[in-house]
Structure formats: structure tokens, C-alpha cells
mmCIF file of all heavy atoms, coordinates in Angstrom:
data_MODEL
# 
_entry.id   MODEL 
# 
loop_
_atom_site.group_PDB 
_atom_site.id 
_atom_site.type_symbol 
_atom_site.label_atom_id 
_atom_site.label_alt_id 
_atom_site.label_comp_id 
_atom_site.label_asym_id 
_atom_site.label_entity_id 
_atom_site.label_seq_id 
_atom_site.pdbx_PDB_ins_code 
_atom_site.Cartn_x 
_atom_site.Cartn_y 
_atom_site.Cartn_z 
_atom_site.occupancy 
_atom_site.B_iso_or_equiv 
_atom_site.pdbx_formal_charge 
_atom_site.auth_seq_id 
_atom_site.auth_comp_id 
_atom_site.auth_asym_id 
_atom_site.auth_atom_id 
_atom_site.pdbx_PDB_model_num 
ATOM 1   N N   . VAL A 1 1  ? 0.846  -1.205  0.000   1.00 0.00 ? 1  VAL A N   1 
ATOM 2   C CA  . VAL A 1 1  ? 0.000  0.000   0.000   1.00 0.00 ? 1  VAL A CA  1 
ATOM 3   C C   . VAL A 1 1  ? 0.878  1.250   0.000   1.00 0.00 ? 1  VAL A C   1 
ATOM 4   O O   . VAL A 1 1  ? 0.630  2.208   -0.733  1.00 0.00 ? 1  VAL A O   1 
ATOM 5   C CB  . VAL A 1 1  ? -0.962 -0.001  1.213   1.00 0.00 ? 1  VAL A CB  1 
ATOM 6   C CG1 . VAL A 1 1  ? -1.650 1.348   1.362   1.00 0.00 ? 1  VAL A CG1 1 
ATOM 7   C CG2 . VAL A 1 1  ? -1.970 -1.121  1.086   1.00 0.00 ? 1  VAL A CG2 1 
ATOM 8   N N   . PHE A 1 2  ? 1.943  1.232   0.805   1.00 0.00 ? 2  PHE A N   1 
ATOM 9   C CA  . PHE A 1 2  ? 2.870  2.365   0.875   1.00 0.00 ? 2  PHE A CA  1 
ATOM 10  C C   . PHE A 1 2  ? 3.542  2.593   -0.474  1.00 0.00 ? 2  PHE A C   1 
ATOM 11  O O   . PHE A 1 2  ? 3.718  3.722   -0.908  1.00 0.00 ? 2  PHE A O   1 
ATOM 12  C CB  . PHE A 1 2  ? 3.914  2.093   1.964   1.00 0.00 ? 2  PHE A CB  1 
ATOM 13  C CG  . PHE A 1 2  ? 4.945  3.176   2.116   1.00 0.00 ? 2  PHE A CG  1 
ATOM 14  C CD1 . PHE A 1 2  ? 4.631  4.369   2.755   1.00 0.00 ? 2  PHE A CD1 1 
ATOM 15  C CD2 . PHE A 1 2  ? 6.244  2.996   1.659   1.00 0.00 ? 2  PHE A CD2 1 
ATOM 16  C CE1 . PHE A 1 2  ? 5.584  5.368   2.915   1.00 0.00 ? 2  PHE A CE1 1 
ATOM 17  C CE2 . PHE A 1 2  ? 7.204  3.992   1.818   1.00 0.00 ? 2  PHE A CE2 1 
ATOM 18  C CZ  . PHE A 1 2  ? 6.872  5.178   2.445   1.00 0.00 ? 2  PHE A CZ  1 
ATOM 19  N N   . ASP A 1 3  ? 3.890  1.520   -1.175  1.00 0.00 ? 3  ASP A N   1 
ATOM 20  C CA  . ASP A 1 3  ? 4.600  1.607   -2.451  1.00 0.00 ? 3  ASP A CA  1 
ATOM 21  C C   . ASP A 1 3  ? 3.704  2.156   -3.563  1.00 0.00 ? 3  ASP A C   1 
ATOM 22  O O   . ASP A 1 3  ? 4.130  2.977   -4.356  1.00 0.00 ? 3  ASP A O   1 
ATOM 23  C CB  . ASP A 1 3  ? 5.150  0.233   -2.837  1.00 0.00 ? 3  ASP A CB  1 
ATOM 24  C CG  . ASP A 1 3  ? 5.942  0.265   -4.111  1.00 0.00 ? 3  ASP A CG  1 
ATOM 25  O OD1 . ASP A 1 3  ? 7.048  0.839   -4.097  1.00 0.00 ? 3  ASP A OD1 1 
ATOM 26  O OD2 . ASP A 1 3  ? 5.453  -0.251  -5.126  1.00 0.00 ? 3  ASP A OD2 1 
ATOM 27  N N   . GLU A 1 4  ? 2.504  1.675   -3.663  1.00 0.00 ? 4  GLU A N   1 
ATOM 28  C CA  . GLU A 1 4  ? 1.473  2.126   -4.603  1.00 0.00 ? 4  GLU A CA  1 
ATOM 29  C C   . GLU A 1 4  ? 1.699  1.776   -6.069  1.00 0.00 ? 4  GLU A C   1 
ATOM 30  O O   . GLU A 1 4  ? 0.808  1.894   -6.872  1.00 0.00 ? 4  GLU A O   1 
ATOM 31  C CB  . GLU A 1 4  ? 1.234  3.643   -4.494  1.00 0.00 ? 4  GLU A CB  1 
ATOM 32  C CG  . GLU A 1 4  ? 0.680  4.079   -3.160  1.00 0.00 ? 4  GLU A CG  1 
ATOM 33  C CD  . GLU A 1 4  ? 0.419  5.577   -3.089  1.00 0.00 ? 4  GLU A CD  1 
ATOM 34  O OE1 . GLU A 1 4  ? 0.787  6.306   -4.027  1.00 0.00 ? 4  GLU A OE1 1 
ATOM 35  O OE2 . GLU A 1 4  ? -0.149 6.011   -2.087  1.00 0.00 ? 4  GLU A OE2 1 
ATOM 36  N N   . SER A 1 5  ? 2.893  1.382   -6.474  1.00 0.00 ? 5  SER A N   1 
ATOM 37  C CA  . SER A 1 5  ? 3.148  1.057   -7.877  1.00 0.00 ? 5  SER A CA  1 
ATOM 38  C C   . SER A 1 5  ? 3.373  -0.445  -8.025  1.00 0.00 ? 5  SER A C   1 
ATOM 39  O O   . SER A 1 5  ? 4.323  -0.981  -7.463  1.00 0.00 ? 5  SER A O   1 
ATOM 40  C CB  . SER A 1 5  ? 4.385  1.810   -8.373  1.00 0.00 ? 5  SER A CB  1 
ATOM 41  O OG  . SER A 1 5  ? 4.695  1.409   -9.684  1.00 0.00 ? 5  SER A OG  1 
ATOM 42  N N   . PRO A 1 6  ? 2.521  -1.134  -8.786  1.00 0.00 ? 6  PRO A N   1 
ATOM 43  C CA  . PRO A 1 6  ? 2.658  -2.586  -8.877  1.00 0.00 ? 6  PRO A CA  1 
ATOM 44  C C   . PRO A 1 6  ? 3.882  -3.071  -9.667  1.00 0.00 ? 6  PRO A C   1 
ATOM 45  O O   . PRO A 1 6  ? 4.340  -4.184  -9.458  1.00 0.00 ? 6  PRO A O   1 
ATOM 46  C CB  . PRO A 1 6  ? 1.360  -3.021  -9.562  1.00 0.00 ? 6  PRO A CB  1 
ATOM 47  C CG  . PRO A 1 6  ? 0.876  -1.812  -10.281 1.00 0.00 ? 6  PRO A CG  1 
ATOM 48  C CD  . PRO A 1 6  ? 1.357  -0.627  -9.507  1.00 0.00 ? 6  PRO A CD  1 
ATOM 49  N N   . ALA A 1 7  ? 4.423  -2.250  -10.551 1.00 0.00 ? 7  ALA A N   1 
ATOM 50  C CA  . ALA A 1 7  ? 5.565  -2.685  -11.372 1.00 0.00 ? 7  ALA A CA  1 
ATOM 51  C C   . ALA A 1 7  ? 6.804  -2.874  -10.488 1.00 0.00 ? 7  ALA A C   1 
ATOM 52  O O   . ALA A 1 7  ? 7.229  -1.949  -9.791  1.00 0.00 ? 7  ALA A O   1 
ATOM 53  C CB  . ALA A 1 7  ? 5.853  -1.662  -12.464 1.00 0.00 ? 7  ALA A CB  1 
ATOM 54  N N   . ASN A 1 8  ? 7.344  -4.082  -10.488 1.00 0.00 ? 8  ASN A N   1 
ATOM 55  C CA  . ASN A 1 8  ? 8.554  -4.417  -9.726  1.00 0.00 ? 8  ASN A CA  1 
ATOM 56  C C   . ASN A 1 8  ? 8.415  -4.156  -8.226  1.00 0.00 ? 8  ASN A C   1 
ATOM 57  O O   . ASN A 1 8  ? 9.402  -3.917  -7.542  1.00 0.00 ? 8  ASN A O   1 
ATOM 58  C CB  . ASN A 1 8  ? 9.773  -3.670  -10.274 1.00 0.00 ? 8  ASN A CB  1 
ATOM 59  C CG  . ASN A 1 8  ? 10.021 -4.003  -11.718 1.00 0.00 ? 8  ASN A CG  1 
ATOM 60  O OD1 . ASN A 1 8  ? 10.069 -5.170  -12.086 1.00 0.00 ? 8  ASN A OD1 1 
ATOM 61  N ND2 . ASN A 1 8  ? 10.148 -2.986  -12.543 1.00 0.00 ? 8  ASN A ND2 1 
ATOM 62  N N   . GLN A 1 9  ? 7.209  -4.235  -7.744  1.00 0.00 ? 9  GLN A N   1 
ATOM 63  C CA  . GLN A 1 9  ? 6.937  -3.906  -6.349  1.00 0.00 ? 9  GLN A CA  1 
ATOM 64  C C   . GLN A 1 9  ? 7.678  -4.813  -5.372  1.00 0.00 ? 9  GLN A C   1 
ATOM 65  O O   . GLN A 1 9  ? 8.266  -4.338  -4.397  1.00 0.00 ? 9  GLN A O   1 
ATOM 66  C CB  . GLN A 1 9  ? 5.432  -3.985  -6.096  1.00 0.00 ? 9  GLN A CB  1 
ATOM 67  C CG  . GLN A 1 9  ? 5.015  -3.446  -4.752  1.00 0.00 ? 9  GLN A CG  1 
ATOM 68  C CD  . GLN A 1 9  ? 3.513  -3.411  -4.630  1.00 0.00 ? 9  GLN A CD  1 
ATOM 69  O OE1 . GLN A 1 9  ? 2.869  -4.446  -4.766  1.00 0.00 ? 9  GLN A OE1 1 
ATOM 70  N NE2 . GLN A 1 9  ? 2.967  -2.240  -4.390  1.00 0.00 ? 9  GLN A NE2 1 
ATOM 71  N N   . ASN A 1 10 ? 7.673  -6.121  -5.623  1.00 0.00 ? 10 ASN A N   1 
ATOM 72  C CA  . ASN A 1 10 ? 8.339  -7.033  -4.696  1.00 0.00 ? 10 ASN A CA  1 
ATOM 73  C C   . ASN A 1 10 ? 9.827  -6.744  -4.585  1.00 0.00 ? 10 ASN A C   1 
ATOM 74  O O   . ASN A 1 10 ? 10.394 -6.807  -3.496  1.00 0.00 ? 10 ASN A O   1 
ATOM 75  C CB  . ASN A 1 10 ? 8.104  -8.488  -5.102  1.00 0.00 ? 10 ASN A CB  1 
ATOM 76  C CG  . ASN A 1 10 ? 6.693  -8.945  -4.805  1.00 0.00 ? 10 ASN A CG  1 
ATOM 77  O OD1 . ASN A 1 10 ? 5.900  -8.223  -4.205  1.00 0.00 ? 10 ASN A OD1 1 
ATOM 78  N ND2 . ASN A 1 10 ? 6.368  -10.147 -5.231  1.00 0.00 ? 10 ASN A ND2 1 
ATOM 79  N N   . ALA A 1 11 ? 10.468 -6.407  -5.691  1.00 0.00 ? 11 ALA A N   1 
ATOM 80  C CA  . ALA A 1 11 ? 11.900 -6.085  -5.666  1.00 0.00 ? 11 ALA A CA  1 
ATOM 81  C C   . ALA A 1 11 ? 12.156 -4.849  -4.811  1.00 0.00 ? 11 ALA A C   1 
ATOM 82  O O   . ALA A 1 11 ? 13.114 -4.811  -4.042  1.00 0.00 ? 11 ALA A O   1 
ATOM 83  C CB  . ALA A 1 11 ? 12.430 -5.877  -7.083  1.00 0.00 ? 11 ALA A CB  1 
ATOM 84  N N   . ARG A 1 12 ? 11.295 -3.860  -4.921  1.00 0.00 ? 12 ARG A N   1 
ATOM 85  C CA  . ARG A 1 12 ? 11.474 -2.645  -4.114  1.00 0.00 ? 12 ARG A CA  1 
ATOM 86  C C   . ARG A 1 12 ? 11.226 -2.930  -2.636  1.00 0.00 ? 12 ARG A C   1 
ATOM 87  O O   . ARG A 1 12 ? 11.932 -2.423  -1.766  1.00 0.00 ? 12 ARG A O   1 
ATOM 88  C CB  . ARG A 1 12 ? 10.570 -1.516  -4.618  1.00 0.00 ? 12 ARG A CB  1 
ATOM 89  C CG  . ARG A 1 12 ? 11.073 -0.882  -5.902  1.00 0.00 ? 12 ARG A CG  1 
ATOM 90  C CD  . ARG A 1 12 ? 10.321 0.399   -6.217  1.00 0.00 ? 12 ARG A CD  1 
ATOM 91  N NE  . ARG A 1 12 ? 8.886  0.192   -6.326  1.00 0.00 ? 12 ARG A NE  1 
ATOM 92  C CZ  . ARG A 1 12 ? 8.275  -0.290  -7.407  1.00 0.00 ? 12 ARG A CZ  1 
ATOM 93  N NH1 . ARG A 1 12 ? 8.980  -0.608  -8.479  1.00 0.00 ? 12 ARG A NH1 1 
ATOM 94  N NH2 . ARG A 1 12 ? 6.970  -0.431  -7.437  1.00 0.00 ? 12 ARG A NH2 1 
ATOM 95  N N   . ILE A 1 13 ? 10.224 -3.745  -2.349  1.00 0.00 ? 13 ILE A N   1 
ATOM 96  C CA  . ILE A 1 13 ? 9.949  -4.077  -0.948  1.00 0.00 ? 13 ILE A CA  1 
ATOM 97  C C   . ILE A 1 13 ? 11.108 -4.878  -0.357  1.00 0.00 ? 13 ILE A C   1 
ATOM 98  O O   . ILE A 1 13 ? 11.542 -4.613  0.766   1.00 0.00 ? 13 ILE A O   1 
ATOM 99  C CB  . ILE A 1 13 ? 8.604  -4.814  -0.808  1.00 0.00 ? 13 ILE A CB  1 
ATOM 100 C CG1 . ILE A 1 13 ? 7.457  -3.847  -1.156  1.00 0.00 ? 13 ILE A CG1 1 
ATOM 101 C CG2 . ILE A 1 13 ? 8.433  -5.383  0.593   1.00 0.00 ? 13 ILE A CG2 1 
ATOM 102 C CD1 . ILE A 1 13 ? 6.092  -4.492  -1.256  1.00 0.00 ? 13 ILE A CD1 1 
ATOM 103 N N   . LEU A 1 14 ? 11.631 -5.842  -1.123  1.00 0.00 ? 14 LEU A N   1 
ATOM 104 C CA  . LEU A 1 14 ? 12.801 -6.586  -0.648  1.00 0.00 ? 14 LEU A CA  1 
ATOM 105 C C   . LEU A 1 14 ? 13.973 -5.654  -0.385  1.00 0.00 ? 14 LEU A C   1 
ATOM 106 O O   . LEU A 1 14 ? 14.669 -5.772  0.632   1.00 0.00 ? 14 LEU A O   1 
ATOM 107 C CB  . LEU A 1 14 ? 13.201 -7.665  -1.660  1.00 0.00 ? 14 LEU A CB  1 
ATOM 108 C CG  . LEU A 1 14 ? 12.324 -8.903  -1.687  1.00 0.00 ? 14 LEU A CG  1 
ATOM 109 C CD1 . LEU A 1 14 ? 12.653 -9.766  -2.891  1.00 0.00 ? 14 LEU A CD1 1 
ATOM 110 C CD2 . LEU A 1 14 ? 12.466 -9.696  -0.394  1.00 0.00 ? 14 LEU A CD2 1 
ATOM 111 N N   . GLN A 1 15 ? 14.216 -4.733  -1.303  1.00 0.00 ? 15 GLN A N   1 
ATOM 112 C CA  . GLN A 1 15 ? 15.319 -3.790  -1.129  1.00 0.00 ? 15 GLN A CA  1 
ATOM 113 C C   . GLN A 1 15 ? 15.100 -2.941  0.121   1.00 0.00 ? 15 GLN A C   1 
ATOM 114 O O   . GLN A 1 15 ? 16.033 -2.697  0.890   1.00 0.00 ? 15 GLN A O   1 
ATOM 115 C CB  . GLN A 1 15 ? 15.459 -2.893  -2.347  1.00 0.00 ? 15 GLN A CB  1 
ATOM 116 C CG  . GLN A 1 15 ? 16.627 -1.924  -2.241  1.00 0.00 ? 15 GLN A CG  1 
ATOM 117 C CD  . GLN A 1 15 ? 16.760 -1.010  -3.434  1.00 0.00 ? 15 GLN A CD  1 
ATOM 118 O OE1 . GLN A 1 15 ? 16.027 -1.144  -4.419  1.00 0.00 ? 15 GLN A OE1 1 
ATOM 119 N NE2 . GLN A 1 15 ? 17.670 -0.073  -3.359  1.00 0.00 ? 15 GLN A NE2 1 
ATOM 120 N N   . SER A 1 16 ? 13.874 -2.505  0.360   1.00 0.00 ? 16 SER A N   1 
ATOM 121 C CA  . SER A 1 16 ? 13.619 -1.665  1.530   1.00 0.00 ? 16 SER A CA  1 
ATOM 122 C C   . SER A 1 16 ? 13.774 -2.460  2.822   1.00 0.00 ? 16 SER A C   1 
ATOM 123 O O   . SER A 1 16 ? 14.283 -1.928  3.819   1.00 0.00 ? 16 SER A O   1 
ATOM 124 C CB  . SER A 1 16 ? 12.243 -1.017  1.452   1.00 0.00 ? 16 SER A CB  1 
ATOM 125 O OG  . SER A 1 16 ? 11.215 -1.975  1.509   1.00 0.00 ? 16 SER A OG  1 
ATOM 126 N N   . LEU A 1 17 ? 13.378 -3.731  2.826   1.00 0.00 ? 17 LEU A N   1 
ATOM 127 C CA  . LEU A 1 17 ? 13.564 -4.555  4.017   1.00 0.00 ? 17 LEU A CA  1 
ATOM 128 C C   . LEU A 1 17 ? 15.046 -4.802  4.268   1.00 0.00 ? 17 LEU A C   1 
ATOM 129 O O   . LEU A 1 17 ? 15.504 -4.785  5.416   1.00 0.00 ? 17 LEU A O   1 
ATOM 130 C CB  . LEU A 1 17 ? 12.788 -5.871  3.886   1.00 0.00 ? 17 LEU A CB  1 
ATOM 131 C CG  . LEU A 1 17 ? 11.265 -5.728  3.877   1.00 0.00 ? 17 LEU A CG  1 
ATOM 132 C CD1 . LEU A 1 17 ? 10.612 -7.079  3.629   1.00 0.00 ? 17 LEU A CD1 1 
ATOM 133 C CD2 . LEU A 1 17 ? 10.753 -5.104  5.169   1.00 0.00 ? 17 LEU A CD2 1 
ATOM 134 N N   . LYS A 1 18 ? 15.811 -5.010  3.206   1.00 0.00 ? 18 LYS A N   1 
ATOM 135 C CA  . LYS A 1 18 ? 17.260 -5.174  3.350   1.00 0.00 ? 18 LYS A CA  1 
ATOM 136 C C   . LYS A 1 18 ? 17.875 -3.901  3.921   1.00 0.00 ? 18 LYS A C   1 
ATOM 137 O O   . LYS A 1 18 ? 18.704 -3.942  4.837   1.00 0.00 ? 18 LYS A O   1 
ATOM 138 C CB  . LYS A 1 18 ? 17.895 -5.514  2.002   1.00 0.00 ? 18 LYS A CB  1 
ATOM 139 C CG  . LYS A 1 18 ? 19.390 -5.719  2.071   1.00 0.00 ? 18 LYS A CG  1 
ATOM 140 C CD  . LYS A 1 18 ? 19.958 -6.140  0.721   1.00 0.00 ? 18 LYS A CD  1 
ATOM 141 C CE  . LYS A 1 18 ? 21.443 -6.397  0.831   1.00 0.00 ? 18 LYS A CE  1 
ATOM 142 N NZ  . LYS A 1 18 ? 21.997 -6.872  -0.438  1.00 0.00 ? 18 LYS A NZ  1 
ATOM 143 N N   . GLN A 1 19 ? 17.470 -2.758  3.397   1.00 0.00 ? 19 GLN A N   1 
ATOM 144 C CA  . GLN A 1 19 ? 17.956 -1.471  3.893   1.00 0.00 ? 19 GLN A CA  1 
ATOM 145 C C   . GLN A 1 19 ? 17.614 -1.313  5.372   1.00 0.00 ? 19 GLN A C   1 
ATOM 146 O O   . GLN A 1 19 ? 18.434 -0.856  6.173   1.00 0.00 ? 19 GLN A O   1 
ATOM 147 C CB  . GLN A 1 19 ? 17.334 -0.331  3.076   1.00 0.00 ? 19 GLN A CB  1 
ATOM 148 C CG  . GLN A 1 19 ? 17.704 1.055   3.540   1.00 0.00 ? 19 GLN A CG  1 
ATOM 149 C CD  . GLN A 1 19 ? 19.009 1.534   2.978   1.00 0.00 ? 19 GLN A CD  1 
ATOM 150 O OE1 . GLN A 1 19 ? 19.586 0.905   2.103   1.00 0.00 ? 19 GLN A OE1 1 
ATOM 151 N NE2 . GLN A 1 19 ? 19.491 2.650   3.483   1.00 0.00 ? 19 GLN A NE2 1 
ATOM 152 N N   . ALA A 1 20 ? 16.407 -1.709  5.742   1.00 0.00 ? 20 ALA A N   1 
ATOM 153 C CA  . ALA A 1 20 ? 15.986 -1.592  7.140   1.00 0.00 ? 20 ALA A CA  1 
ATOM 154 C C   . ALA A 1 20 ? 16.862 -2.444  8.049   1.00 0.00 ? 20 ALA A C   1 
ATOM 155 O O   . ALA A 1 20 ? 17.334 -1.981  9.090   1.00 0.00 ? 20 ALA A O   1 
ATOM 156 C CB  . ALA A 1 20 ? 14.518 -1.994  7.281   1.00 0.00 ? 20 ALA A CB  1 
ATOM 157 N N   . VAL A 1 21 ? 17.103 -3.694  7.649   1.00 0.00 ? 21 VAL A N   1 
ATOM 158 C CA  . VAL A 1 21 ? 17.919 -4.594  8.466   1.00 0.00 ? 21 VAL A CA  1 
ATOM 159 C C   . VAL A 1 21 ? 19.349 -4.077  8.582   1.00 0.00 ? 21 VAL A C   1 
ATOM 160 O O   . VAL A 1 21 ? 19.980 -4.190  9.633   1.00 0.00 ? 21 VAL A O   1 
ATOM 161 C CB  . VAL A 1 21 ? 17.881 -6.028  7.890   1.00 0.00 ? 21 VAL A CB  1 
ATOM 162 C CG1 . VAL A 1 21 ? 18.907 -6.924  8.551   1.00 0.00 ? 21 VAL A CG1 1 
ATOM 163 C CG2 . VAL A 1 21 ? 16.482 -6.610  8.044   1.00 0.00 ? 21 VAL A CG2 1 
ATOM 164 N N   . GLN A 1 22 ? 19.852 -3.482  7.518   1.00 0.00 ? 22 GLN A N   1 
ATOM 165 C CA  . GLN A 1 22 ? 21.227 -2.991  7.517   1.00 0.00 ? 22 GLN A CA  1 
ATOM 166 C C   . GLN A 1 22 ? 21.404 -1.699  8.311   1.00 0.00 ? 22 GLN A C   1 
ATOM 167 O O   . GLN A 1 22 ? 22.492 -1.439  8.817   1.00 0.00 ? 22 GLN A O   1 
ATOM 168 C CB  . GLN A 1 22 ? 21.704 -2.753  6.080   1.00 0.00 ? 22 GLN A CB  1 
ATOM 169 C CG  . GLN A 1 22 ? 21.922 -4.018  5.305   1.00 0.00 ? 22 GLN A CG  1 
ATOM 170 C CD  . GLN A 1 22 ? 22.296 -3.743  3.855   1.00 0.00 ? 22 GLN A CD  1 
ATOM 171 O OE1 . GLN A 1 22 ? 21.976 -2.696  3.301   1.00 0.00 ? 22 GLN A OE1 1 
ATOM 172 N NE2 . GLN A 1 22 ? 22.966 -4.696  3.240   1.00 0.00 ? 22 GLN A NE2 1 
ATOM 173 N N   . THR A 1 23 ? 20.362 -0.883  8.417   1.00 0.00 ? 23 THR A N   1 
ATOM 174 C CA  . THR A 1 23 ? 20.543 0.453   8.988   1.00 0.00 ? 23 THR A CA  1 
ATOM 175 C C   . THR A 1 23 ? 19.781 0.717   10.282  1.00 0.00 ? 23 THR A C   1 
ATOM 176 O O   . THR A 1 23 ? 20.045 1.715   10.938  1.00 0.00 ? 23 THR A O   1 
ATOM 177 C CB  . THR A 1 23 ? 20.141 1.539   7.969   1.00 0.00 ? 23 THR A CB  1 
ATOM 178 O OG1 . THR A 1 23 ? 18.749 1.384   7.645   1.00 0.00 ? 23 THR A OG1 1 
ATOM 179 C CG2 . THR A 1 23 ? 20.984 1.449   6.705   1.00 0.00 ? 23 THR A CG2 1 
ATOM 180 N N   . LEU A 1 24 ? 18.845 -0.147  10.622  1.00 0.00 ? 24 LEU A N   1 
ATOM 181 C CA  . LEU A 1 24 ? 18.017 0.082   11.807  1.00 0.00 ? 24 LEU A CA  1 
ATOM 182 C C   . LEU A 1 24 ? 18.101 -1.128  12.740  1.00 0.00 ? 24 LEU A C   1 
ATOM 183 O O   . LEU A 1 24 ? 18.466 -2.218  12.314  1.00 0.00 ? 24 LEU A O   1 
ATOM 184 C CB  . LEU A 1 24 ? 16.561 0.328   11.391  1.00 0.00 ? 24 LEU A CB  1 
ATOM 185 C CG  . LEU A 1 24 ? 16.331 1.476   10.405  1.00 0.00 ? 24 LEU A CG  1 
ATOM 186 C CD1 . LEU A 1 24 ? 14.911 1.444   9.866   1.00 0.00 ? 24 LEU A CD1 1 
ATOM 187 C CD2 . LEU A 1 24 ? 16.623 2.807   11.070  1.00 0.00 ? 24 LEU A CD2 1 
ATOM 188 N N   . SER A 1 25 ? 17.740 -0.938  13.976  1.00 0.00 ? 25 SER A N   1 
ATOM 189 C CA  . SER A 1 25 ? 17.779 -2.054  14.927  1.00 0.00 ? 25 SER A CA  1 
ATOM 190 C C   . SER A 1 25 ? 16.384 -2.651  15.099  1.00 0.00 ? 25 SER A C   1 
ATOM 191 O O   . SER A 1 25 ? 15.380 -1.940  15.061  1.00 0.00 ? 25 SER A O   1 
ATOM 192 C CB  . SER A 1 25 ? 18.331 -1.591  16.268  1.00 0.00 ? 25 SER A CB  1 
ATOM 193 O OG  . SER A 1 25 ? 17.491 -0.616  16.827  1.00 0.00 ? 25 SER A OG  1 
ATOM 194 N N   . PHE A 1 26 ? 16.362 -3.967  15.274  1.00 0.00 ? 26 PHE A N   1 
ATOM 195 C CA  . PHE A 1 26 ? 15.112 -4.707  15.445  1.00 0.00 ? 26 PHE A CA  1 
ATOM 196 C C   . PHE A 1 26 ? 15.283 -5.738  16.543  1.00 0.00 ? 26 PHE A C   1 
ATOM 197 O O   . PHE A 1 26 ? 16.386 -6.245  16.757  1.00 0.00 ? 26 PHE A O   1 
ATOM 198 C CB  . PHE A 1 26 ? 14.726 -5.428  14.138  1.00 0.00 ? 26 PHE A CB  1 
ATOM 199 C CG  . PHE A 1 26 ? 14.387 -4.499  13.010  1.00 0.00 ? 26 PHE A CG  1 
ATOM 200 C CD1 . PHE A 1 26 ? 15.350 -4.126  12.090  1.00 0.00 ? 26 PHE A CD1 1 
ATOM 201 C CD2 . PHE A 1 26 ? 13.105 -3.996  12.875  1.00 0.00 ? 26 PHE A CD2 1 
ATOM 202 C CE1 . PHE A 1 26 ? 15.052 -3.263  11.049  1.00 0.00 ? 26 PHE A CE1 1 
ATOM 203 C CE2 . PHE A 1 26 ? 12.795 -3.132  11.835  1.00 0.00 ? 26 PHE A CE2 1 
ATOM 204 C CZ  . PHE A 1 26 ? 13.770 -2.763  10.921  1.00 0.00 ? 26 PHE A CZ  1 
# 
């Protein structure tokens, strides 16, 4: 929903989750 664009959406979500794991604490 946040992304809003269906083209290559999964790749962008994967990239954002990778970025989150690399830069933020969980």
C-alpha cells in the first residue's frame, strides 16, 4: 500500500527490508 506502484513492487519491498535490516535495529 505504501509503495502504490505494482511494477517491480516485490523487488522494491525486498530492497527496503534489506535497507531496514542494515541500517536500523530490530
